[in-house]
Amino acid sequence: MKNKHAYVIIALLFSVISFSLQGQTKLKNNAFEAGEKLTYDLYYKYGIINMKGGKATLNTEATTYNNKDAYKMSLHASTGGFVGSIFTVDDTLTSYMDKNLVPLLFIKGASEGKDYTRERQIYTYENGKTSIRAIRHINGNFKFDETVSTSRCTYDMMSILAFARTLDYSKMQRGDNTQVQFITGKRLVDMHIRYMGTTNMTVNNGKTYEAVELSLMILDKAFVDQEEAMRVWITNDENKLPLQIYTKLKIGEMRSILKDFSGNKHPIN
């Protein structure tokens, strides 16, 4: 009888530990490190307009968050010139992650056209649960402040890029999906990181690289509707360096094409 009780206790402890690990997914990152700096040219498309008109930077820094070592990954994109006169974009997306790429904080400041959106998503982890406090203001007006909970680690618009750079695509077939949970605003949805194969891509430093093409698909409404949140091309090497990022805006589409880079962890293939 004592052995039976001991077995039950051990089984319960194991289930609690497994549940905790599920809620706090730790990733092995061999793709990038603090000090990586990427510069992009922006291209805006709307109707018959399709032209270069801005720049973007994607930087990874070493920092601390709640007195613990962390990464700060920031993407800043802004339009200028003729494109800026048609549709102004001045967006900054920042994600704080621990050294295991577990999301800690996401901040979005997006000025698009006449609207300015400010968002924060604050992550806390306890007893195998992930809680995310999501806050949004638009044009200074409060929209919501809600907390959602889940047993799964959840990614935002920036940390999902870091996650995608940890995956092994060498054994994938075109159309293979990696499913993760994604937060958009205050909604938890499933996302497929869909492997679209490899291609050669020439970027704006004049060099051509072998690239892995990924489509980041949001699945909503009982997995019936799909919406492409982002399309990304990364180098087919250990760096998995983003070469091109395609996103949809409220009005039109934007492509970010790599122009320069430094601080990469491995030699570029």
C-alpha atoms as a PDB file:
ATOM      1  CA  MET A   1       0.000   0.000   0.000  1.00  0.00           C
ATOM      2  CA  LYS A   2       2.854   2.351   0.881  1.00  0.00           C
ATOM      3  CA  ASN A   3       4.504   1.637  -2.461  1.00  0.00           C
ATOM      4  CA  LYS A   4       1.250   2.408  -4.223  1.00  0.00           C
ATOM      5  CA  HIS A   5       0.965   5.751  -2.439  1.00  0.00           C
ATOM      6  CA  ALA A   6       4.571   6.548  -3.252  1.00  0.00           C
ATOM      7  CA  TYR A   7       3.954   5.751  -6.917  1.00  0.00           C
ATOM      8  CA  VAL A   8       0.928   8.052  -7.002  1.00  0.00           C
ATOM      9  CA  ILE A   9       2.915  10.884  -5.407  1.00  0.00           C
ATOM     10  CA  ILE A  10       5.806  10.434  -7.848  1.00  0.00           C
ATOM     11  CA  ALA A  11       3.375  10.354 -10.794  1.00  0.00           C
ATOM     12  CA  LEU A  12       1.696  13.543  -9.615  1.00  0.00           C
ATOM     13  CA  LEU A  13       5.039  15.300  -9.170  1.00  0.00           C
ATOM     14  CA  PHE A  14       6.113  14.221 -12.650  1.00  0.00           C
ATOM     15  CA  SER A  15       2.886  15.509 -14.168  1.00  0.00           C
ATOM     16  CA  VAL A  16       3.326  18.882 -12.435  1.00  0.00           C
ATOM     17  CA  ILE A  17       6.930  19.175 -13.678  1.00  0.00           C
ATOM     18  CA  SER A  18       5.915  18.218 -17.238  1.00  0.00           C
ATOM     19  CA  PHE A  19       3.066  20.739 -17.141  1.00  0.00           C
ATOM     20  CA  SER A  20       5.436  23.450 -15.930  1.00  0.00           C
ATOM     21  CA  LEU A  21       7.886  22.766 -18.756  1.00  0.00           C
ATOM     22  CA  GLN A  22       5.043  22.867 -21.262  1.00  0.00           C
ATOM     23  CA  GLY A  23       4.051  26.321 -20.045  1.00  0.00           C
ATOM     24  CA  GLN A  24       7.643  27.639 -20.060  1.00  0.00           C
ATOM     25  CA  THR A  25       9.199  26.345 -23.240  1.00  0.00           C
ATOM     26  CA  LYS A  26      12.952  26.825 -23.307  1.00  0.00           C
ATOM     27  CA  LEU A  27      14.659  26.977 -26.692  1.00  0.00           C
ATOM     28  CA  LYS A  28      18.214  26.270 -27.751  1.00  0.00           C
ATOM     29  CA  ASN A  29      19.433  29.288 -29.685  1.00  0.00           C
ATOM     30  CA  ASN A  30      22.402  28.769 -31.983  1.00  0.00           C
ATOM     31  CA  ALA A  31      21.336  31.304 -34.620  1.00  0.00           C
ATOM     32  CA  PHE A  32      22.064  34.726 -33.149  1.00  0.00           C
ATOM     33  CA  GLU A  33      23.564  36.586 -30.223  1.00  0.00           C
ATOM     34  CA  ALA A  34      23.584  40.072 -28.764  1.00  0.00           C
ATOM     35  CA  GLY A  35      25.211  42.584 -31.086  1.00  0.00           C
ATOM     36  CA  GLU A  36      23.514  41.469 -34.289  1.00  0.00           C
ATOM     37  CA  LYS A  37      22.484  44.516 -36.354  1.00  0.00           C
ATOM     38  CA  LEU A  38      20.507  44.305 -39.591  1.00  0.00           C
ATOM     39  CA  THR A  39      19.541  47.154 -41.929  1.00  0.00           C
ATOM     40  CA  TYR A  40      16.766  46.947 -44.516  1.00  0.00           C
ATOM     41  CA  ASP A  41      15.375  48.996 -47.388  1.00  0.00           C
ATOM     42  CA  LEU A  42      11.585  49.328 -47.325  1.00  0.00           C
ATOM     43  CA  TYR A  43       9.345  48.957 -50.366  1.00  0.00           C
ATOM     44  CA  TYR A  44       5.699  49.997 -50.275  1.00  0.00           C
ATOM     45  CA  LYS A  45       3.001  48.610 -52.542  1.00  0.00           C
ATOM     46  CA  TYR A  46      -0.550  49.859 -52.903  1.00  0.00           C
ATOM     47  CA  GLY A  47      -2.457  49.460 -56.143  1.00  0.00           C
ATOM     48  CA  ILE A  48      -0.178  50.490 -58.997  1.00  0.00           C
ATOM     49  CA  ILE A  49       2.317  52.070 -56.578  1.00  0.00           C
ATOM     50  CA  ASN A  50       5.289  49.813 -55.886  1.00  0.00           C
ATOM     51  CA  MET A  51       8.427  51.673 -54.891  1.00  0.00           C
ATOM     52  CA  LYS A  52      11.255  52.047 -52.429  1.00  0.00           C
ATOM     53  CA  GLY A  53      10.528  54.531 -49.715  1.00  0.00           C
ATOM     54  CA  GLY A  54      12.016  53.998 -46.286  1.00  0.00           C
ATOM     55  CA  LYS A  55      14.317  51.968 -44.094  1.00  0.00           C
ATOM     56  CA  ALA A  56      14.209  49.528 -41.199  1.00  0.00           C
ATOM     57  CA  THR A  57      16.600  48.207 -38.589  1.00  0.00           C
ATOM     58  CA  LEU A  58      16.475  44.959 -36.611  1.00  0.00           C
ATOM     59  CA  ASN A  59      18.815  44.937 -33.630  1.00  0.00           C
ATOM     60  CA  THR A  60      19.463  42.443 -30.850  1.00  0.00           C
ATOM     61  CA  GLU A  61      20.976  43.711 -27.610  1.00  0.00           C
ATOM     62  CA  ALA A  62      21.967  42.255 -24.253  1.00  0.00           C
ATOM     63  CA  THR A  63      19.939  43.714 -21.397  1.00  0.00           C
ATOM     64  CA  THR A  64      18.318  42.801 -18.086  1.00  0.00           C
ATOM     65  CA  TYR A  65      14.664  42.263 -17.269  1.00  0.00           C
ATOM     66  CA  ASN A  66      13.583  41.960 -13.639  1.00  0.00           C
ATOM     67  CA  ASN A  67      17.288  41.680 -12.745  1.00  0.00           C
ATOM     68  CA  LYS A  68      17.850  38.701 -15.063  1.00  0.00           C
ATOM     69  CA  ASP A  69      19.927  38.521 -18.264  1.00  0.00           C
ATOM     70  CA  ALA A  70      17.782  38.950 -21.344  1.00  0.00           C
ATOM     71  CA  TYR A  71      17.709  39.814 -25.035  1.00  0.00           C
ATOM     72  CA  LYS A  72      16.102  42.987 -26.346  1.00  0.00           C
ATOM     73  CA  MET A  73      15.115  42.594 -30.003  1.00  0.00           C
ATOM     74  CA  SER A  74      13.848  45.745 -31.717  1.00  0.00           C
ATOM     75  CA  LEU A  75      12.473  46.400 -35.195  1.00  0.00           C
ATOM     76  CA  HIS A  76      12.045  50.011 -36.299  1.00  0.00           C
ATOM     77  CA  ALA A  77      10.538  50.807 -39.698  1.00  0.00           C
ATOM     78  CA  SER A  78       9.745  54.198 -41.182  1.00  0.00           C
ATOM     79  CA  THR A  79       8.727  55.513 -44.580  1.00  0.00           C
ATOM     80  CA  GLY A  80       9.999  58.702 -46.179  1.00  0.00           C
ATOM     81  CA  GLY A  81       9.977  60.741 -49.359  1.00  0.00           C
ATOM     82  CA  PHE A  82       7.132  60.239 -51.820  1.00  0.00           C
ATOM     83  CA  VAL A  83       5.948  57.024 -50.152  1.00  0.00           C
ATOM     84  CA  GLY A  84       5.839  58.790 -46.792  1.00  0.00           C
ATOM     85  CA  SER A  85       3.632  61.488 -48.289  1.00  0.00           C
ATOM     86  CA  ILE A  86       1.168  58.815 -49.449  1.00  0.00           C
ATOM     87  CA  PHE A  87       1.097  56.692 -46.323  1.00  0.00           C
ATOM     88  CA  THR A  88       3.203  57.382 -43.243  1.00  0.00           C
ATOM     89  CA  VAL A  89       4.651  54.444 -41.330  1.00  0.00           C
ATOM     90  CA  ASP A  90       6.750  54.837 -38.198  1.00  0.00           C
ATOM     91  CA  ASP A  91       6.612  51.555 -36.265  1.00  0.00           C
ATOM     92  CA  THR A  92       8.751  50.230 -33.433  1.00  0.00           C
ATOM     93  CA  LEU A  93       8.292  46.657 -32.213  1.00  0.00           C
ATOM     94  CA  THR A  94      10.330  45.499 -29.223  1.00  0.00           C
ATOM     95  CA  SER A  95      10.465  42.104 -27.567  1.00  0.00           C
ATOM     96  CA  TYR A  96      12.264  41.166 -24.369  1.00  0.00           C
ATOM     97  CA  MET A  97      13.152  37.467 -24.049  1.00  0.00           C
ATOM     98  CA  ASP A  98      15.265  35.545 -21.584  1.00  0.00           C
ATOM     99  CA  LYS A  99      18.385  33.717 -22.769  1.00  0.00           C
ATOM    100  CA  ASN A 100      16.219  30.650 -23.532  1.00  0.00           C
ATOM    101  CA  LEU A 101      14.023  32.848 -25.795  1.00  0.00           C
ATOM    102  CA  VAL A 102      11.052  32.689 -23.441  1.00  0.00           C
ATOM    103  CA  PRO A 103       8.994  35.876 -24.091  1.00  0.00           C
ATOM    104  CA  LEU A 104       8.880  38.402 -21.242  1.00  0.00           C
ATOM    105  CA  LEU A 105       7.528  41.663 -22.675  1.00  0.00           C
ATOM    106  CA  PHE A 106       6.355  42.952 -26.057  1.00  0.00           C
ATOM    107  CA  ILE A 107       5.907  46.653 -26.823  1.00  0.00           C
ATOM    108  CA  LYS A 108       4.446  48.076 -30.008  1.00  0.00           C
ATOM    109  CA  GLY A 109       4.323  51.716 -31.019  1.00  0.00           C
ATOM    110  CA  ALA A 110       2.794  51.991 -34.495  1.00  0.00           C
ATOM    111  CA  SER A 111       2.095  55.183 -36.374  1.00  0.00           C
ATOM    112  CA  GLU A 112       0.344  54.258 -39.620  1.00  0.00           C
ATOM    113  CA  GLY A 113      -1.482  56.939 -41.555  1.00  0.00           C
ATOM    114  CA  LYS A 114      -3.441  59.056 -39.070  1.00  0.00           C
ATOM    115  CA  ASP A 115      -3.562  56.412 -36.342  1.00  0.00           C
ATOM    116  CA  TYR A 116      -1.116  55.755 -33.532  1.00  0.00           C
ATOM    117  CA  THR A 117      -1.389  52.446 -31.667  1.00  0.00           C
ATOM    118  CA  ARG A 118       0.412  51.659 -28.431  1.00  0.00           C
ATOM    119  CA  GLU A 119       0.406  48.076 -27.142  1.00  0.00           C
ATOM    120  CA  ARG A 120       2.042  46.098 -24.355  1.00  0.00           C
ATOM    121  CA  GLN A 121       1.934  42.374 -23.690  1.00  0.00           C
ATOM    122  CA  ILE A 122       3.429  41.434 -20.338  1.00  0.00           C
ATOM    123  CA  TYR A 123       4.230  37.753 -19.714  1.00  0.00           C
ATOM    124  CA  THR A 124       4.319  36.004 -16.346  1.00  0.00           C
ATOM    125  CA  TYR A 125       4.947  32.312 -15.698  1.00  0.00           C
ATOM    126  CA  GLU A 126       3.828  30.370 -12.635  1.00  0.00           C
ATOM    127  CA  ASN A 127       3.038  26.710 -11.948  1.00  0.00           C
ATOM    128  CA  GLY A 128       3.106  25.767 -15.610  1.00  0.00           C
ATOM    129  CA  LYS A 129       0.759  28.601 -16.610  1.00  0.00           C
ATOM    130  CA  THR A 130       1.493  31.467 -18.958  1.00  0.00           C
ATOM    131  CA  SER A 131      -0.396  34.685 -18.193  1.00  0.00           C
ATOM    132  CA  ILE A 132      -0.277  37.621 -20.587  1.00  0.00           C
ATOM    133  CA  ARG A 133      -1.582  41.055 -19.704  1.00  0.00           C
ATOM    134  CA  ALA A 134      -2.509  42.795 -22.971  1.00  0.00           C
ATOM    135  CA  ILE A 135      -2.996  46.582 -23.034  1.00  0.00           C
ATOM    136  CA  ARG A 136      -3.901  48.746 -26.015  1.00  0.00           C
ATOM    137  CA  HIS A 137      -4.407  52.466 -26.649  1.00  0.00           C
ATOM    138  CA  ILE A 138      -5.276  53.986 -30.041  1.00  0.00           C
ATOM    139  CA  ASN A 139      -4.758  57.708 -30.600  1.00  0.00           C
ATOM    140  CA  GLY A 140      -4.462  58.121 -26.850  1.00  0.00           C
ATOM    141  CA  ASN A 141      -7.802  56.433 -26.189  1.00  0.00           C
ATOM    142  CA  PHE A 142      -7.933  53.366 -23.960  1.00  0.00           C
ATOM    143  CA  LYS A 143      -9.126  50.216 -25.751  1.00  0.00           C
ATOM    144  CA  PHE A 144      -8.533  47.315 -23.380  1.00  0.00           C
ATOM    145  CA  ASP A 145      -6.514  45.954 -20.483  1.00  0.00           C
ATOM    146  CA  GLU A 146      -7.102  42.216 -20.153  1.00  0.00           C
ATOM    147  CA  THR A 147      -5.166  39.178 -18.984  1.00  0.00           C
ATOM    148  CA  VAL A 148      -5.320  35.862 -20.800  1.00  0.00           C
ATOM    149  CA  SER A 149      -3.982  32.579 -19.453  1.00  0.00           C
ATOM    150  CA  THR A 150      -2.796  29.423 -21.150  1.00  0.00           C
ATOM    151  CA  SER A 151      -0.754  26.302 -20.457  1.00  0.00           C
ATOM    152  CA  ARG A 152       1.302  26.920 -23.608  1.00  0.00           C
ATOM    153  CA  CYS A 153       4.185  29.254 -24.271  1.00  0.00           C
ATOM    154  CA  THR A 154       2.923  32.013 -26.537  1.00  0.00           C
ATOM    155  CA  TYR A 155       4.779  34.237 -28.987  1.00  0.00           C
ATOM    156  CA  ASP A 156       4.298  37.810 -30.196  1.00  0.00           C
ATOM    157  CA  MET A 157       5.225  39.441 -33.485  1.00  0.00           C
ATOM    158  CA  MET A 158       8.926  39.724 -32.591  1.00  0.00           C
ATOM    159  CA  SER A 159       9.602  36.658 -30.460  1.00  0.00           C
ATOM    160  CA  ILE A 160       8.005  34.502 -33.179  1.00  0.00           C
ATOM    161  CA  LEU A 161      10.886  35.545 -35.477  1.00  0.00           C
ATOM    162  CA  ALA A 162      13.386  34.419 -32.866  1.00  0.00           C
ATOM    163  CA  PHE A 163      11.500  31.128 -32.485  1.00  0.00           C
ATOM    164  CA  ALA A 164      11.493  30.554 -36.253  1.00  0.00           C
ATOM    165  CA  ARG A 165      15.283  30.956 -36.299  1.00  0.00           C
ATOM    166  CA  THR A 166      15.700  28.021 -33.904  1.00  0.00           C
ATOM    167  CA  LEU A 167      13.877  25.459 -36.076  1.00  0.00           C
ATOM    168  CA  ASP A 168      15.656  22.795 -38.122  1.00  0.00           C
ATOM    169  CA  TYR A 169      14.399  23.019 -41.711  1.00  0.00           C
ATOM    170  CA  SER A 170      16.868  20.544 -43.191  1.00  0.00           C
ATOM    171  CA  LYS A 171      14.477  17.582 -43.008  1.00  0.00           C
ATOM    172  CA  MET A 172      11.262  19.446 -43.799  1.00  0.00           C
ATOM    173  CA  GLN A 173       9.220  19.061 -46.975  1.00  0.00           C
ATOM    174  CA  ARG A 174       7.462  21.934 -48.713  1.00  0.00           C
ATOM    175  CA  GLY A 175       4.163  22.596 -46.919  1.00  0.00           C
ATOM    176  CA  ASP A 176       5.279  21.166 -43.559  1.00  0.00           C
ATOM    177  CA  ASN A 177       3.938  23.158 -40.611  1.00  0.00           C
ATOM    178  CA  THR A 178       5.258  23.902 -37.140  1.00  0.00           C
ATOM    179  CA  GLN A 179       2.326  24.927 -34.945  1.00  0.00           C
ATOM    180  CA  VAL A 180       2.768  27.426 -32.115  1.00  0.00           C
ATOM    181  CA  GLN A 181       0.494  29.714 -30.136  1.00  0.00           C
ATOM    182  CA  PHE A 182       0.480  33.409 -31.049  1.00  0.00           C
ATOM    183  CA  ILE A 183      -1.031  36.477 -29.403  1.00  0.00           C
ATOM    184  CA  THR A 184      -2.584  39.190 -31.527  1.00  0.00           C
ATOM    185  CA  GLY A 185      -3.976  42.036 -29.448  1.00  0.00           C
ATOM    186  CA  LYS A 186      -5.726  40.176 -26.620  1.00  0.00           C
ATOM    187  CA  ARG A 187      -6.545  37.019 -28.610  1.00  0.00           C
ATOM    188  CA  LEU A 188      -4.690  33.748 -28.441  1.00  0.00           C
ATOM    189  CA  VAL A 189      -4.646  32.002 -31.809  1.00  0.00           C
ATOM    190  CA  ASP A 190      -2.707  29.175 -33.389  1.00  0.00           C
ATOM    191  CA  MET A 191      -0.033  29.943 -35.929  1.00  0.00           C
ATOM    192  CA  HIS A 192       1.574  27.692 -38.497  1.00  0.00           C
ATOM    193  CA  ILE A 193       5.148  28.407 -39.499  1.00  0.00           C
ATOM    194  CA  ARG A 194       4.888  26.873 -42.936  1.00  0.00           C
ATOM    195  CA  TYR A 195       8.037  25.741 -44.728  1.00  0.00           C
ATOM    196  CA  MET A 196       7.806  26.820 -48.379  1.00  0.00           C
ATOM    197  CA  GLY A 197      11.095  25.383 -49.625  1.00  0.00           C
ATOM    198  CA  THR A 198      14.375  27.023 -50.602  1.00  0.00           C
ATOM    199  CA  THR A 199      15.299  29.561 -53.239  1.00  0.00           C
ATOM    200  CA  ASN A 200      18.150  31.887 -54.199  1.00  0.00           C
ATOM    201  CA  MET A 201      17.611  35.494 -53.162  1.00  0.00           C
ATOM    202  CA  THR A 202      19.582  38.588 -54.148  1.00  0.00           C
ATOM    203  CA  VAL A 203      19.333  41.350 -51.561  1.00  0.00           C
ATOM    204  CA  ASN A 204      20.341  44.989 -51.539  1.00  0.00           C
ATOM    205  CA  ASN A 205      24.006  44.468 -50.732  1.00  0.00           C
ATOM    206  CA  GLY A 206      24.277  42.967 -54.228  1.00  0.00           C
ATOM    207  CA  LYS A 207      24.889  39.414 -52.994  1.00  0.00           C
ATOM    208  CA  THR A 208      22.838  36.277 -53.553  1.00  0.00           C
ATOM    209  CA  TYR A 209      22.107  33.839 -50.746  1.00  0.00           C
ATOM    210  CA  GLU A 210      20.378  30.480 -50.520  1.00  0.00           C
ATOM    211  CA  ALA A 211      17.203  31.171 -48.574  1.00  0.00           C
ATOM    212  CA  VAL A 212      14.498  29.288 -46.706  1.00  0.00           C
ATOM    213  CA  GLU A 213      11.024  30.683 -47.378  1.00  0.00           C
ATOM    214  CA  LEU A 214       8.517  30.710 -44.512  1.00  0.00           C
ATOM    215  CA  SER A 215       4.860  31.696 -44.382  1.00  0.00           C
ATOM    216  CA  LEU A 216       3.539  32.579 -40.922  1.00  0.00           C
ATOM    217  CA  MET A 217      -0.166  31.741 -41.027  1.00  0.00           C
ATOM    218  CA  ILE A 218      -2.653  32.684 -38.285  1.00  0.00           C
ATOM    219  CA  LEU A 219      -5.417  30.124 -37.841  1.00  0.00           C
ATOM    220  CA  ASP A 220      -8.629  31.448 -36.315  1.00  0.00           C
ATOM    221  CA  LYS A 221     -12.336  30.659 -36.015  1.00  0.00           C
ATOM    222  CA  ALA A 222     -11.952  26.967 -35.186  1.00  0.00           C
ATOM    223  CA  PHE A 223      -9.006  26.632 -37.597  1.00  0.00           C
ATOM    224  CA  VAL A 224     -11.122  27.323 -40.670  1.00  0.00           C
ATOM    225  CA  ASP A 225      -9.912  30.804 -41.597  1.00  0.00           C
ATOM    226  CA  GLN A 226      -6.245  31.436 -42.316  1.00  0.00           C
ATOM    227  CA  GLU A 227      -4.511  34.772 -42.641  1.00  0.00           C
ATOM    228  CA  GLU A 228      -0.876  35.309 -43.538  1.00  0.00           C
ATOM    229  CA  ALA A 229       0.594  37.516 -40.822  1.00  0.00           C
ATOM    230  CA  MET A 230       4.076  37.598 -42.301  1.00  0.00           C
ATOM    231  CA  ARG A 231       6.273  36.010 -44.954  1.00  0.00           C
ATOM    232  CA  VAL A 232       9.962  35.686 -44.201  1.00  0.00           C
ATOM    233  CA  TRP A 233      13.029  34.542 -46.129  1.00  0.00           C
ATOM    234  CA  ILE A 234      16.030  33.511 -43.998  1.00  0.00           C
ATOM    235  CA  THR A 235      19.526  32.346 -44.924  1.00  0.00           C
ATOM    236  CA  ASN A 236      19.782  28.587 -45.279  1.00  0.00           C
ATOM    237  CA  ASP A 237      22.658  28.310 -42.791  1.00  0.00           C
ATOM    238  CA  GLU A 238      23.237  28.362 -39.043  1.00  0.00           C
ATOM    239  CA  ASN A 239      22.442  32.098 -38.778  1.00  0.00           C
ATOM    240  CA  LYS A 240      18.960  31.854 -40.320  1.00  0.00           C
ATOM    241  CA  LEU A 241      19.408  35.577 -40.950  1.00  0.00           C
ATOM    242  CA  PRO A 242      16.210  37.355 -42.124  1.00  0.00           C
ATOM    243  CA  LEU A 243      16.829  38.430 -45.741  1.00  0.00           C
ATOM    244  CA  GLN A 244      13.374  39.721 -46.562  1.00  0.00           C
ATOM    245  CA  ILE A 245      10.240  40.316 -44.481  1.00  0.00           C
ATOM    246  CA  TYR A 246       6.841  40.846 -46.077  1.00  0.00           C
ATOM    247  CA  THR A 247       3.950  42.277 -44.054  1.00  0.00           C
ATOM    248  CA  LYS A 248       0.510  43.695 -44.718  1.00  0.00           C
ATOM    249  CA  LEU A 249      -0.423  47.154 -43.466  1.00  0.00           C
ATOM    250  CA  LYS A 250      -3.800  48.768 -42.902  1.00  0.00           C
ATOM    251  CA  ILE A 251      -3.342  50.207 -46.377  1.00  0.00           C
ATOM    252  CA  GLY A 252      -1.075  48.331 -48.770  1.00  0.00           C
ATOM    253  CA  GLU A 253       1.886  46.012 -48.264  1.00  0.00           C
ATOM    254  CA  MET A 254       5.468  46.475 -47.194  1.00  0.00           C
ATOM    255  CA  ARG A 255       8.642  44.525 -47.956  1.00  0.00           C
ATOM    256  CA  SER A 256      11.875  44.858 -45.990  1.00  0.00           C
ATOM    257  CA  ILE A 257      14.943  43.749 -48.001  1.00  0.00           C
ATOM    258  CA  LEU A 258      18.310  43.309 -46.306  1.00  0.00           C
ATOM    259  CA  LYS A 259      20.881  45.961 -47.140  1.00  0.00           C
ATOM    260  CA  ASP A 260      23.605  45.462 -44.538  1.00  0.00           C
ATOM    261  CA  PHE A 261      24.374  43.325 -41.503  1.00  0.00           C
ATOM    262  CA  SER A 262      26.942  42.915 -38.745  1.00  0.00           C
ATOM    263  CA  GLY A 263      27.358  40.969 -35.548  1.00  0.00           C
ATOM    264  CA  ASN A 264      26.184  37.674 -37.058  1.00  0.00           C
ATOM    265  CA  LYS A 265      27.116  34.649 -34.965  1.00  0.00           C
ATOM    266  CA  HIS A 266      28.354  32.442 -37.817  1.00  0.00           C
ATOM    267  CA  PRO A 267      29.902  33.078 -41.257  1.00  0.00           C
ATOM    268  CA  ILE A 268      27.183  33.693 -43.841  1.00  0.00           C
ATOM    269  CA  ASN A 269      26.611  30.912 -46.357  1.00  0.00           C
END
